[in-house]
N, C-alpha and C. Protein backbone atom coordinates (compact mmCIF):
# COMPACT_ATOMS: atom_id res chain seq x y z
N UNK A 1 8.07 -4.36 22.63
CA UNK A 1 9.24 -4.57 21.78
C UNK A 1 8.82 -4.96 20.37
N UNK A 2 9.59 -4.51 19.40
CA UNK A 2 9.35 -4.86 18.01
C UNK A 2 10.35 -5.92 17.57
N UNK A 3 9.86 -7.07 17.13
CA UNK A 3 10.74 -8.12 16.62
C UNK A 3 11.19 -7.78 15.21
N UNK A 4 12.44 -8.08 14.90
CA UNK A 4 12.97 -7.93 13.54
C UNK A 4 13.45 -9.30 13.08
N UNK A 5 12.82 -9.81 12.03
CA UNK A 5 13.12 -11.15 11.55
C UNK A 5 13.45 -11.13 10.07
N UNK A 6 14.38 -11.97 9.66
CA UNK A 6 14.65 -12.14 8.24
C UNK A 6 13.39 -12.68 7.57
N UNK A 7 13.08 -12.15 6.41
CA UNK A 7 11.79 -12.45 5.76
C UNK A 7 11.80 -13.80 5.07
N UNK A 8 11.96 -14.87 5.87
CA UNK A 8 11.88 -16.22 5.33
C UNK A 8 10.46 -16.77 5.55
N UNK A 9 10.23 -18.02 5.15
CA UNK A 9 8.88 -18.58 5.23
C UNK A 9 8.37 -18.63 6.67
N UNK A 10 9.24 -18.97 7.61
CA UNK A 10 8.82 -19.04 9.01
C UNK A 10 8.40 -17.67 9.52
N UNK A 11 9.18 -16.65 9.20
CA UNK A 11 8.86 -15.30 9.65
C UNK A 11 7.58 -14.79 8.99
N UNK A 12 7.38 -15.13 7.73
CA UNK A 12 6.15 -14.71 7.05
C UNK A 12 4.93 -15.36 7.69
N UNK A 13 5.05 -16.63 8.06
CA UNK A 13 3.93 -17.27 8.75
C UNK A 13 3.63 -16.57 10.08
N UNK A 14 4.68 -16.20 10.80
CA UNK A 14 4.48 -15.48 12.05
C UNK A 14 3.82 -14.13 11.79
N UNK A 15 4.27 -13.45 10.73
CA UNK A 15 3.69 -12.14 10.39
C UNK A 15 2.21 -12.26 10.07
N UNK A 16 1.83 -13.33 9.38
CA UNK A 16 0.42 -13.53 9.04
C UNK A 16 -0.41 -13.69 10.31
N UNK A 17 0.13 -14.40 11.29
CA UNK A 17 -0.58 -14.56 12.56
C UNK A 17 -0.72 -13.23 13.29
N UNK A 18 0.33 -12.42 13.24
CA UNK A 18 0.26 -11.08 13.84
C UNK A 18 -0.85 -10.26 13.19
N UNK A 19 -0.90 -10.30 11.87
CA UNK A 19 -1.92 -9.54 11.14
C UNK A 19 -3.32 -10.06 11.44
N UNK A 20 -3.47 -11.37 11.51
CA UNK A 20 -4.78 -11.95 11.82
C UNK A 20 -5.22 -11.56 13.23
N UNK A 21 -4.26 -11.32 14.12
CA UNK A 21 -4.57 -10.91 15.48
C UNK A 21 -4.76 -9.41 15.65
N UNK A 22 -4.77 -8.69 14.53
CA UNK A 22 -4.98 -7.25 14.61
C UNK A 22 -3.71 -6.44 14.84
N UNK A 23 -2.55 -7.08 14.62
CA UNK A 23 -1.28 -6.39 14.81
C UNK A 23 -0.77 -5.73 13.54
N UNK A 24 0.40 -5.09 13.67
CA UNK A 24 1.01 -4.35 12.57
C UNK A 24 2.34 -4.99 12.19
N UNK A 25 2.58 -5.09 10.89
CA UNK A 25 3.81 -5.68 10.37
C UNK A 25 4.40 -4.76 9.31
N UNK A 26 5.72 -4.56 9.39
CA UNK A 26 6.44 -3.81 8.34
C UNK A 26 7.15 -4.80 7.44
N UNK A 27 7.29 -4.45 6.16
CA UNK A 27 7.82 -5.40 5.18
C UNK A 27 8.37 -4.64 3.97
N UNK A 28 9.29 -5.27 3.24
CA UNK A 28 9.81 -4.63 2.03
C UNK A 28 8.80 -4.72 0.89
N UNK A 29 8.86 -3.76 -0.01
CA UNK A 29 8.09 -3.83 -1.25
C UNK A 29 9.03 -3.47 -2.40
N UNK A 30 8.48 -3.38 -3.59
CA UNK A 30 9.27 -2.99 -4.75
C UNK A 30 9.61 -1.51 -4.76
N UNK A 31 8.96 -0.73 -3.91
CA UNK A 31 9.23 0.72 -3.88
C UNK A 31 9.98 1.08 -2.60
N UNK A 32 9.29 1.08 -1.44
CA UNK A 32 9.89 1.37 -0.14
C UNK A 32 9.33 0.37 0.88
N UNK A 33 9.85 0.39 2.10
CA UNK A 33 9.26 -0.46 3.14
C UNK A 33 7.88 0.06 3.50
N UNK A 34 6.94 -0.87 3.66
CA UNK A 34 5.59 -0.52 4.07
C UNK A 34 5.28 -1.09 5.43
N UNK A 35 4.24 -0.57 6.05
CA UNK A 35 3.71 -1.14 7.28
C UNK A 35 2.21 -1.31 7.08
N UNK A 36 1.71 -2.49 7.47
CA UNK A 36 0.33 -2.79 7.11
C UNK A 36 -0.48 -3.44 8.21
N UNK A 37 -1.80 -3.42 7.99
CA UNK A 37 -2.78 -4.03 8.87
C UNK A 37 -3.83 -4.71 8.01
N UNK A 38 -4.57 -5.65 8.60
CA UNK A 38 -5.69 -6.32 7.93
C UNK A 38 -6.71 -5.25 7.52
N UNK A 39 -7.00 -5.17 6.23
CA UNK A 39 -7.82 -4.07 5.73
C UNK A 39 -9.25 -4.08 6.28
N UNK A 40 -9.76 -5.26 6.64
CA UNK A 40 -11.14 -5.35 7.10
C UNK A 40 -11.26 -5.36 8.63
N UNK A 41 -10.18 -4.95 9.32
CA UNK A 41 -10.20 -4.84 10.78
C UNK A 41 -9.97 -3.37 11.16
N UNK A 42 -11.05 -2.59 11.33
CA UNK A 42 -10.90 -1.16 11.60
C UNK A 42 -10.03 -0.86 12.81
N UNK A 43 -10.10 -1.72 13.85
CA UNK A 43 -9.30 -1.47 15.04
C UNK A 43 -7.81 -1.61 14.75
N UNK A 44 -7.46 -2.51 13.83
CA UNK A 44 -6.05 -2.66 13.44
C UNK A 44 -5.60 -1.46 12.62
N UNK A 45 -6.47 -0.98 11.75
CA UNK A 45 -6.14 0.19 10.94
C UNK A 45 -5.99 1.43 11.84
N UNK A 46 -6.81 1.52 12.88
CA UNK A 46 -6.68 2.62 13.83
C UNK A 46 -5.30 2.59 14.49
N UNK A 47 -4.81 1.37 14.81
CA UNK A 47 -3.48 1.23 15.39
C UNK A 47 -2.40 1.71 14.41
N UNK A 48 -2.65 1.49 13.13
CA UNK A 48 -1.70 1.92 12.11
C UNK A 48 -1.57 3.45 12.10
N UNK A 49 -2.70 4.14 12.18
CA UNK A 49 -2.65 5.61 12.26
C UNK A 49 -1.86 6.05 13.49
N UNK A 50 -2.12 5.40 14.61
CA UNK A 50 -1.45 5.78 15.86
C UNK A 50 0.05 5.53 15.79
N UNK A 51 0.43 4.35 15.28
CA UNK A 51 1.85 3.99 15.22
C UNK A 51 2.64 4.98 14.36
N UNK A 52 2.04 5.42 13.26
CA UNK A 52 2.72 6.34 12.35
C UNK A 52 2.54 7.80 12.74
N UNK A 53 1.67 8.05 13.72
CA UNK A 53 1.28 9.43 14.05
C UNK A 53 0.73 10.12 12.79
N UNK A 54 -0.08 9.36 12.07
CA UNK A 54 -0.64 9.83 10.80
C UNK A 54 -1.96 10.53 11.06
N UNK A 55 -2.17 11.71 10.48
CA UNK A 55 -3.46 12.39 10.63
C UNK A 55 -4.61 11.51 10.16
N UNK A 56 -5.71 11.51 10.91
CA UNK A 56 -6.83 10.63 10.60
C UNK A 56 -7.59 11.04 9.33
N UNK A 57 -7.26 12.21 8.78
CA UNK A 57 -7.93 12.62 7.54
C UNK A 57 -7.13 12.22 6.30
N UNK A 58 -6.05 11.46 6.49
CA UNK A 58 -5.25 10.99 5.35
C UNK A 58 -5.51 9.50 5.14
N UNK A 59 -6.15 9.17 4.05
CA UNK A 59 -6.52 7.78 3.76
C UNK A 59 -5.28 6.90 3.64
N UNK A 60 -5.47 5.61 3.86
CA UNK A 60 -4.39 4.63 3.76
C UNK A 60 -4.61 3.78 2.52
N UNK A 61 -3.59 3.63 1.67
CA UNK A 61 -3.73 2.80 0.47
C UNK A 61 -3.91 1.32 0.81
N UNK A 62 -4.32 0.56 -0.19
CA UNK A 62 -4.54 -0.88 -0.04
C UNK A 62 -3.65 -1.63 -1.02
N UNK A 63 -3.00 -2.68 -0.50
CA UNK A 63 -2.19 -3.56 -1.34
C UNK A 63 -2.95 -4.85 -1.60
N UNK A 64 -2.92 -5.29 -2.86
CA UNK A 64 -3.57 -6.52 -3.29
C UNK A 64 -2.52 -7.53 -3.72
N UNK A 65 -2.89 -8.82 -3.69
CA UNK A 65 -1.99 -9.86 -4.18
C UNK A 65 -1.98 -9.91 -5.70
N UNK A 66 -3.10 -9.55 -6.33
CA UNK A 66 -3.20 -9.57 -7.78
C UNK A 66 -4.37 -8.72 -8.25
N UNK A 67 -4.36 -8.37 -9.53
CA UNK A 67 -5.41 -7.51 -10.07
C UNK A 67 -6.79 -8.13 -9.93
N UNK A 68 -6.85 -9.46 -9.90
CA UNK A 68 -8.15 -10.14 -9.79
C UNK A 68 -8.83 -9.84 -8.46
N UNK A 69 -8.09 -9.34 -7.48
CA UNK A 69 -8.66 -9.05 -6.16
C UNK A 69 -9.25 -7.64 -6.06
N UNK A 70 -9.17 -6.87 -7.13
CA UNK A 70 -9.58 -5.48 -7.03
C UNK A 70 -11.07 -5.33 -6.70
N UNK A 71 -11.87 -6.29 -7.14
CA UNK A 71 -13.31 -6.22 -6.86
C UNK A 71 -13.63 -6.36 -5.37
N UNK A 72 -12.66 -6.80 -4.58
CA UNK A 72 -12.88 -6.88 -3.13
C UNK A 72 -12.98 -5.50 -2.49
N UNK A 73 -12.34 -4.51 -3.12
CA UNK A 73 -12.24 -3.19 -2.47
C UNK A 73 -12.73 -2.03 -3.32
N UNK A 74 -12.96 -2.25 -4.62
CA UNK A 74 -13.33 -1.15 -5.51
C UNK A 74 -14.59 -1.45 -6.30
N UNK A 75 -15.36 -0.39 -6.56
CA UNK A 75 -16.57 -0.46 -7.39
C UNK A 75 -16.32 0.28 -8.70
N UNK A 76 -17.19 0.03 -9.68
CA UNK A 76 -17.19 0.81 -10.93
C UNK A 76 -15.79 0.92 -11.51
N UNK A 77 -15.22 -0.23 -11.83
CA UNK A 77 -13.86 -0.27 -12.36
C UNK A 77 -13.91 -0.02 -13.86
N UNK A 78 -13.42 1.11 -14.33
CA UNK A 78 -13.52 1.42 -15.76
C UNK A 78 -12.59 0.56 -16.60
N UNK A 79 -12.89 0.48 -17.87
CA UNK A 79 -12.09 -0.34 -18.77
C UNK A 79 -10.63 0.09 -18.79
N UNK A 80 -10.41 1.41 -18.72
CA UNK A 80 -9.03 1.90 -18.76
C UNK A 80 -8.25 1.44 -17.52
N UNK A 81 -8.94 1.21 -16.41
CA UNK A 81 -8.25 0.72 -15.21
C UNK A 81 -7.66 -0.66 -15.48
N UNK A 82 -8.42 -1.51 -16.16
CA UNK A 82 -7.92 -2.85 -16.48
C UNK A 82 -6.72 -2.76 -17.43
N UNK A 83 -6.78 -1.80 -18.36
CA UNK A 83 -5.66 -1.61 -19.28
C UNK A 83 -4.40 -1.18 -18.52
N UNK A 84 -4.58 -0.27 -17.56
CA UNK A 84 -3.45 0.19 -16.75
C UNK A 84 -2.91 -0.93 -15.86
N UNK A 85 -3.80 -1.74 -15.31
CA UNK A 85 -3.37 -2.87 -14.49
C UNK A 85 -2.56 -3.86 -15.32
N UNK A 86 -3.04 -4.12 -16.52
CA UNK A 86 -2.35 -5.05 -17.41
C UNK A 86 -0.94 -4.55 -17.73
N UNK A 87 -0.81 -3.24 -17.87
CA UNK A 87 0.48 -2.65 -18.26
C UNK A 87 1.43 -2.48 -17.08
N UNK A 88 0.91 -2.06 -15.91
CA UNK A 88 1.79 -1.62 -14.83
C UNK A 88 1.75 -2.47 -13.55
N UNK A 89 0.84 -3.43 -13.47
CA UNK A 89 0.77 -4.29 -12.26
C UNK A 89 1.31 -5.67 -12.57
N UNK A 90 2.04 -6.28 -11.63
CA UNK A 90 2.46 -5.66 -10.38
C UNK A 90 3.50 -4.58 -10.63
N UNK A 91 3.51 -3.56 -9.79
CA UNK A 91 4.45 -2.48 -9.99
C UNK A 91 4.05 -1.21 -9.26
N UNK A 92 4.74 -0.13 -9.58
CA UNK A 92 4.67 1.10 -8.81
C UNK A 92 3.60 2.08 -9.25
N UNK A 93 2.40 1.60 -9.56
CA UNK A 93 1.28 2.48 -9.89
C UNK A 93 0.13 2.23 -8.95
N UNK A 94 -0.31 3.28 -8.26
CA UNK A 94 -1.48 3.21 -7.38
C UNK A 94 -2.65 3.86 -8.09
N UNK A 95 -3.79 3.16 -8.14
CA UNK A 95 -4.99 3.67 -8.79
C UNK A 95 -6.01 4.08 -7.74
N UNK A 96 -6.62 5.23 -7.92
CA UNK A 96 -7.70 5.69 -7.06
C UNK A 96 -9.02 5.41 -7.76
N UNK A 97 -9.88 4.64 -7.07
CA UNK A 97 -11.17 4.21 -7.63
C UNK A 97 -12.25 4.34 -6.57
N UNK A 98 -13.54 4.32 -6.98
CA UNK A 98 -14.61 4.34 -5.98
C UNK A 98 -14.51 3.11 -5.08
N UNK A 99 -14.67 3.30 -3.79
CA UNK A 99 -14.49 2.20 -2.85
C UNK A 99 -15.74 1.34 -2.73
N UNK A 100 -15.51 0.08 -2.37
CA UNK A 100 -16.60 -0.83 -2.08
C UNK A 100 -17.06 -0.59 -0.65
N UNK A 101 -18.35 -0.82 -0.39
CA UNK A 101 -18.90 -0.57 0.94
C UNK A 101 -18.22 -1.40 2.02
N UNK A 102 -17.66 -2.55 1.64
CA UNK A 102 -17.02 -3.43 2.62
C UNK A 102 -15.74 -2.83 3.19
N UNK A 103 -15.16 -1.87 2.51
CA UNK A 103 -13.92 -1.24 3.00
C UNK A 103 -14.27 -0.29 4.13
N UNK A 104 -13.70 -0.48 5.33
CA UNK A 104 -14.03 0.39 6.45
C UNK A 104 -13.68 1.85 6.17
N UNK A 105 -14.53 2.76 6.65
CA UNK A 105 -14.25 4.18 6.50
C UNK A 105 -12.93 4.57 7.15
N UNK A 106 -12.49 3.80 8.16
CA UNK A 106 -11.22 4.06 8.81
C UNK A 106 -10.07 4.03 7.80
N UNK A 107 -10.17 3.14 6.80
CA UNK A 107 -9.13 3.01 5.79
C UNK A 107 -9.09 4.22 4.88
N UNK A 108 -10.25 4.69 4.48
CA UNK A 108 -10.34 5.76 3.48
C UNK A 108 -10.55 7.14 4.10
N UNK A 109 -10.43 7.23 5.43
CA UNK A 109 -10.63 8.50 6.13
C UNK A 109 -11.99 9.10 5.79
N UNK A 110 -12.99 8.22 5.62
CA UNK A 110 -14.35 8.66 5.35
C UNK A 110 -14.60 9.10 3.92
N UNK A 111 -13.58 8.99 3.06
CA UNK A 111 -13.73 9.40 1.67
C UNK A 111 -14.37 8.28 0.84
N UNK A 112 -14.98 8.63 -0.30
CA UNK A 112 -15.68 7.61 -1.10
C UNK A 112 -14.78 6.79 -2.00
N UNK A 113 -13.49 7.13 -2.03
CA UNK A 113 -12.58 6.46 -2.95
C UNK A 113 -11.51 5.69 -2.19
N UNK A 114 -10.86 4.78 -2.91
CA UNK A 114 -9.80 3.97 -2.32
C UNK A 114 -8.61 3.93 -3.27
N UNK A 115 -7.41 3.90 -2.71
CA UNK A 115 -6.17 3.83 -3.50
C UNK A 115 -5.63 2.42 -3.43
N UNK A 116 -5.38 1.78 -4.58
CA UNK A 116 -4.99 0.37 -4.61
C UNK A 116 -3.82 0.14 -5.55
N UNK A 117 -3.00 -0.85 -5.20
CA UNK A 117 -1.97 -1.32 -6.12
C UNK A 117 -1.56 -2.74 -5.78
N UNK A 118 -0.85 -3.37 -6.71
CA UNK A 118 -0.27 -4.70 -6.52
C UNK A 118 1.25 -4.53 -6.52
N UNK A 119 1.90 -4.78 -5.37
CA UNK A 119 3.36 -4.61 -5.32
C UNK A 119 4.08 -5.73 -6.05
N UNK A 120 5.19 -5.38 -6.68
CA UNK A 120 5.99 -6.36 -7.41
C UNK A 120 7.09 -6.88 -6.49
N UNK A 121 6.66 -7.58 -5.43
CA UNK A 121 7.61 -8.09 -4.44
C UNK A 121 6.99 -9.32 -3.78
N UNK A 122 7.75 -10.39 -3.60
CA UNK A 122 7.17 -11.63 -3.08
C UNK A 122 6.73 -11.56 -1.62
N UNK A 123 7.34 -10.72 -0.80
CA UNK A 123 6.98 -10.70 0.62
C UNK A 123 5.56 -10.17 0.85
N UNK A 124 5.20 -8.98 0.39
CA UNK A 124 3.82 -8.55 0.60
C UNK A 124 2.81 -9.45 -0.10
N UNK A 125 3.17 -9.99 -1.26
CA UNK A 125 2.23 -10.90 -1.93
C UNK A 125 1.98 -12.15 -1.09
N UNK A 126 3.05 -12.69 -0.46
CA UNK A 126 2.89 -13.86 0.40
C UNK A 126 2.06 -13.52 1.64
N UNK A 127 2.25 -12.33 2.19
CA UNK A 127 1.47 -11.92 3.36
C UNK A 127 -0.01 -11.83 3.01
N UNK A 128 -0.32 -11.21 1.89
CA UNK A 128 -1.72 -11.02 1.50
C UNK A 128 -2.38 -12.36 1.19
N UNK A 129 -1.66 -13.21 0.47
CA UNK A 129 -2.22 -14.52 0.13
C UNK A 129 -2.44 -15.36 1.38
N UNK A 130 -1.49 -15.32 2.32
CA UNK A 130 -1.63 -16.09 3.54
C UNK A 130 -2.70 -15.54 4.46
N UNK A 131 -2.86 -14.23 4.44
CA UNK A 131 -3.88 -13.58 5.27
C UNK A 131 -5.28 -13.82 4.71
N UNK A 132 -5.36 -13.96 3.38
CA UNK A 132 -6.66 -14.12 2.74
C UNK A 132 -7.42 -12.82 2.65
N UNK A 133 -6.70 -11.71 2.71
CA UNK A 133 -7.33 -10.38 2.64
C UNK A 133 -6.28 -9.37 2.23
N UNK A 134 -6.68 -8.27 1.60
CA UNK A 134 -5.73 -7.21 1.28
C UNK A 134 -5.17 -6.57 2.55
N UNK A 135 -4.12 -5.78 2.35
CA UNK A 135 -3.50 -5.04 3.45
C UNK A 135 -3.76 -3.55 3.29
N UNK A 136 -4.15 -2.91 4.38
CA UNK A 136 -4.11 -1.44 4.44
C UNK A 136 -2.66 -1.12 4.77
N UNK A 137 -1.96 -0.47 3.87
CA UNK A 137 -0.52 -0.32 4.05
C UNK A 137 -0.03 1.02 3.51
N UNK A 138 0.94 1.57 4.21
CA UNK A 138 1.57 2.81 3.80
C UNK A 138 3.03 2.75 4.18
N UNK A 139 3.81 3.75 3.86
CA UNK A 139 5.25 3.70 4.11
C UNK A 139 5.54 3.55 5.60
N UNK A 140 6.58 2.78 5.91
CA UNK A 140 6.88 2.40 7.30
C UNK A 140 7.74 3.45 8.00
N UNK A 141 7.18 4.63 8.15
CA UNK A 141 7.87 5.74 8.79
C UNK A 141 6.87 6.55 9.59
N UNK A 142 7.36 7.39 10.47
CA UNK A 142 6.49 8.36 11.12
C UNK A 142 6.00 9.35 10.07
N UNK A 143 4.77 9.79 10.21
CA UNK A 143 4.16 10.66 9.21
C UNK A 143 5.02 11.90 8.96
N UNK A 144 5.28 12.16 7.68
CA UNK A 144 6.07 13.33 7.31
C UNK A 144 7.55 13.08 7.20
N UNK A 145 8.02 11.91 7.66
CA UNK A 145 9.44 11.59 7.57
C UNK A 145 9.75 10.89 6.24
N UNK A 146 11.01 10.83 5.83
CA UNK A 146 11.37 10.14 4.58
C UNK A 146 10.96 8.67 4.61
N UNK A 147 10.60 8.15 3.45
CA UNK A 147 10.21 6.74 3.34
C UNK A 147 11.43 5.84 3.48
N UNK A 148 11.34 4.79 4.30
CA UNK A 148 12.50 3.93 4.53
C UNK A 148 12.71 2.91 3.42
N UNK A 149 13.98 2.57 3.18
CA UNK A 149 14.27 1.55 2.17
C UNK A 149 15.05 0.38 2.77
N UNK A 150 15.30 0.40 4.09
CA UNK A 150 15.93 -0.72 4.78
C UNK A 150 15.16 -1.01 6.07
N UNK A 151 15.31 -2.25 6.56
CA UNK A 151 14.65 -2.62 7.82
C UNK A 151 15.19 -1.80 8.99
N UNK A 152 16.47 -1.46 8.96
CA UNK A 152 17.06 -0.66 10.04
C UNK A 152 16.43 0.73 10.08
N UNK A 153 16.16 1.29 8.93
CA UNK A 153 15.49 2.60 8.89
C UNK A 153 14.08 2.49 9.46
N UNK A 154 13.41 1.38 9.19
CA UNK A 154 12.08 1.15 9.76
C UNK A 154 12.17 1.05 11.28
N UNK A 155 13.14 0.27 11.77
CA UNK A 155 13.29 0.11 13.22
C UNK A 155 13.55 1.45 13.90
N UNK A 156 14.36 2.31 13.26
CA UNK A 156 14.64 3.62 13.84
C UNK A 156 13.38 4.48 13.92
N UNK A 157 12.46 4.26 13.00
CA UNK A 157 11.22 5.06 12.96
C UNK A 157 10.11 4.46 13.83
N UNK A 158 9.91 3.16 13.71
CA UNK A 158 8.72 2.52 14.29
C UNK A 158 9.03 1.48 15.36
N UNK A 159 10.29 1.32 15.73
CA UNK A 159 10.64 0.39 16.78
C UNK A 159 9.87 0.69 18.06
N UNK A 160 9.24 -0.34 18.64
CA UNK A 160 8.43 -0.17 19.84
C UNK A 160 7.01 0.29 19.56
N UNK A 161 6.70 0.56 18.30
CA UNK A 161 5.37 1.05 17.94
C UNK A 161 4.57 0.02 17.15
N UNK A 162 5.25 -1.01 16.61
CA UNK A 162 4.59 -2.07 15.86
C UNK A 162 5.11 -3.41 16.35
N UNK A 163 4.44 -4.50 15.98
CA UNK A 163 4.81 -5.81 16.49
C UNK A 163 6.01 -6.44 15.79
N UNK A 164 6.13 -6.27 14.47
CA UNK A 164 7.10 -7.06 13.72
C UNK A 164 7.60 -6.32 12.49
N UNK A 165 8.90 -6.46 12.23
CA UNK A 165 9.52 -5.97 11.00
C UNK A 165 10.12 -7.16 10.27
N UNK A 166 9.74 -7.35 9.02
CA UNK A 166 10.34 -8.38 8.17
C UNK A 166 11.48 -7.75 7.38
N UNK A 167 12.67 -8.25 7.60
CA UNK A 167 13.86 -7.71 6.94
C UNK A 167 14.09 -8.47 5.64
N UNK A 168 13.82 -7.80 4.53
CA UNK A 168 14.03 -8.40 3.22
C UNK A 168 15.14 -7.72 2.46
N UNK A 169 16.04 -7.03 3.19
CA UNK A 169 17.12 -6.32 2.52
C UNK A 169 16.66 -4.97 2.02
N UNK A 170 17.53 -4.32 1.31
CA UNK A 170 17.26 -2.99 0.78
C UNK A 170 16.19 -3.07 -0.32
N UNK A 171 15.24 -2.16 -0.30
CA UNK A 171 14.20 -2.16 -1.34
C UNK A 171 14.82 -1.82 -2.68
N UNK A 172 14.44 -2.53 -3.74
CA UNK A 172 15.06 -2.32 -5.04
C UNK A 172 14.69 -1.01 -5.71
N UNK A 173 13.50 -0.47 -5.36
CA UNK A 173 13.06 0.74 -6.03
C UNK A 173 13.52 2.00 -5.33
N UNK A 174 13.07 2.17 -4.09
CA UNK A 174 13.44 3.35 -3.32
C UNK A 174 12.62 4.57 -3.65
N UNK A 175 11.68 4.44 -4.58
CA UNK A 175 10.84 5.57 -4.99
C UNK A 175 9.38 5.18 -4.75
N UNK A 176 8.59 6.01 -4.08
CA UNK A 176 7.17 5.68 -3.87
C UNK A 176 6.43 5.51 -5.18
N UNK A 177 5.26 4.88 -5.11
CA UNK A 177 4.46 4.64 -6.32
C UNK A 177 3.89 5.94 -6.86
N UNK A 178 3.61 5.93 -8.15
CA UNK A 178 2.85 7.01 -8.78
C UNK A 178 1.38 6.81 -8.43
N UNK A 179 0.69 7.90 -8.10
CA UNK A 179 -0.73 7.82 -7.73
C UNK A 179 -1.57 8.48 -8.83
N UNK A 180 -2.50 7.69 -9.39
CA UNK A 180 -3.35 8.15 -10.48
C UNK A 180 -4.81 8.08 -10.06
N UNK A 181 -5.50 9.21 -10.09
CA UNK A 181 -6.90 9.29 -9.69
C UNK A 181 -7.79 9.08 -10.92
N UNK A 182 -8.44 7.92 -10.97
CA UNK A 182 -9.34 7.63 -12.09
C UNK A 182 -10.77 8.07 -11.81
N UNK A 183 -11.03 8.65 -10.62
CA UNK A 183 -12.36 9.18 -10.33
C UNK A 183 -12.49 10.63 -10.80
N UNK A 184 -11.37 11.27 -11.12
CA UNK A 184 -11.39 12.65 -11.59
C UNK A 184 -11.68 12.68 -13.09
N UNK A 185 -12.19 13.80 -13.57
CA UNK A 185 -12.45 13.99 -14.99
C UNK A 185 -11.87 15.34 -15.42
N UNK A 186 -10.75 15.31 -16.15
CA UNK A 186 -10.02 14.14 -16.63
C UNK A 186 -9.23 13.47 -15.51
N UNK A 187 -8.79 12.22 -15.72
CA UNK A 187 -7.96 11.56 -14.72
C UNK A 187 -6.73 12.40 -14.38
N UNK A 188 -6.27 12.27 -13.13
CA UNK A 188 -5.19 13.15 -12.69
C UNK A 188 -4.12 12.36 -11.94
N UNK A 189 -2.88 12.66 -12.24
CA UNK A 189 -1.77 12.13 -11.45
C UNK A 189 -1.66 12.99 -10.19
N UNK A 190 -1.83 12.36 -9.04
CA UNK A 190 -1.78 13.09 -7.77
C UNK A 190 -0.37 13.14 -7.21
N UNK A 191 0.45 12.14 -7.56
CA UNK A 191 1.83 12.11 -7.09
C UNK A 191 2.70 11.45 -8.15
N UNK A 192 3.76 12.12 -8.54
CA UNK A 192 4.75 11.50 -9.42
C UNK A 192 5.50 10.43 -8.63
N UNK A 193 5.93 9.37 -9.32
CA UNK A 193 6.63 8.31 -8.60
C UNK A 193 7.29 7.33 -9.53
N UNK A 194 7.19 6.05 -9.17
CA UNK A 194 7.96 5.01 -9.85
C UNK A 194 7.58 4.83 -11.32
N UNK A 195 6.33 5.05 -11.67
CA UNK A 195 5.89 4.96 -13.07
C UNK A 195 5.87 6.37 -13.66
N UNK A 196 6.59 6.55 -14.74
CA UNK A 196 6.72 7.88 -15.35
C UNK A 196 5.37 8.38 -15.86
N UNK A 197 5.13 9.68 -15.67
CA UNK A 197 3.88 10.29 -16.12
C UNK A 197 3.70 10.12 -17.63
N UNK A 198 4.80 10.13 -18.36
CA UNK A 198 4.71 10.00 -19.82
C UNK A 198 4.20 8.62 -20.23
N UNK A 199 4.53 7.59 -19.44
CA UNK A 199 4.02 6.25 -19.74
C UNK A 199 2.51 6.19 -19.54
N UNK A 200 2.03 6.87 -18.52
CA UNK A 200 0.58 6.91 -18.27
C UNK A 200 -0.12 7.71 -19.36
N UNK A 201 0.50 8.80 -19.76
CA UNK A 201 -0.11 9.67 -20.79
C UNK A 201 -0.24 8.93 -22.12
N UNK A 202 0.61 7.96 -22.37
CA UNK A 202 0.52 7.18 -23.61
C UNK A 202 -0.77 6.36 -23.64
N UNK A 203 -1.29 6.01 -22.47
CA UNK A 203 -2.55 5.27 -22.37
C UNK A 203 -3.72 6.20 -22.14
N UNK A 204 -3.49 7.27 -21.36
CA UNK A 204 -4.52 8.26 -21.02
C UNK A 204 -4.08 9.63 -21.51
N UNK A 205 -4.30 9.95 -22.77
CA UNK A 205 -3.81 11.23 -23.30
C UNK A 205 -4.35 12.45 -22.56
N UNK A 206 -5.55 12.34 -21.93
CA UNK A 206 -6.15 13.49 -21.26
C UNK A 206 -5.69 13.66 -19.82
N UNK A 207 -4.82 12.79 -19.36
CA UNK A 207 -4.43 12.84 -17.94
C UNK A 207 -3.76 14.18 -17.61
N UNK A 208 -4.08 14.70 -16.44
CA UNK A 208 -3.43 15.92 -15.97
C UNK A 208 -2.23 15.53 -15.11
N UNK A 209 -1.14 16.26 -15.28
CA UNK A 209 0.13 15.93 -14.63
C UNK A 209 0.58 17.11 -13.79
N UNK A 210 0.90 16.89 -12.52
CA UNK A 210 1.33 18.01 -11.68
C UNK A 210 2.70 18.53 -12.12
N UNK A 211 2.95 19.80 -11.86
CA UNK A 211 4.27 20.34 -12.12
C UNK A 211 5.23 19.75 -11.10
N UNK A 212 6.48 19.61 -11.50
CA UNK A 212 7.49 19.04 -10.59
C UNK A 212 7.76 20.00 -9.43
């Protein structure tokens, strides 16, 4: 059974214990509801793939509590990355950077890069801070289905497949994050999303932008 709890302090403490035990927790973010696992527990991340029926060749993004934590999961952080973090974090921009060796290959699907962002929402930030580690997290839906923006939508998708859903009300954004690959030359927007491509181009004039 999947518990559904209002995202108060008591429920967040319970969620942290679930995550520390290798379990899965769904939670609201500034974009859509996410479901996450302890990033440094490969067996928990494997459960995340199974719960979502996500193909194992699709990497899972990482959520951080703050930009200062990026060195935990990424190497060779270019100066422009710090400029983008200063401008758009916390918020709906995911950056793709070379991964640190400490990040399990299970998270990155064996790829050399990692996708990271800092959500602009108190619930995931409290989870990460309480856990003392980043979260491997992606949208709280079955793979290929629409991203959920309410706890009820999460329950309809993942009920019985994860341990806990934190109900924080309707997500304020409803639009997935923009994904920017800083390992490409020139840098490339891989997915349009919450941060407009034009805002990124103002900082990175050479960025390539996909057609709509």
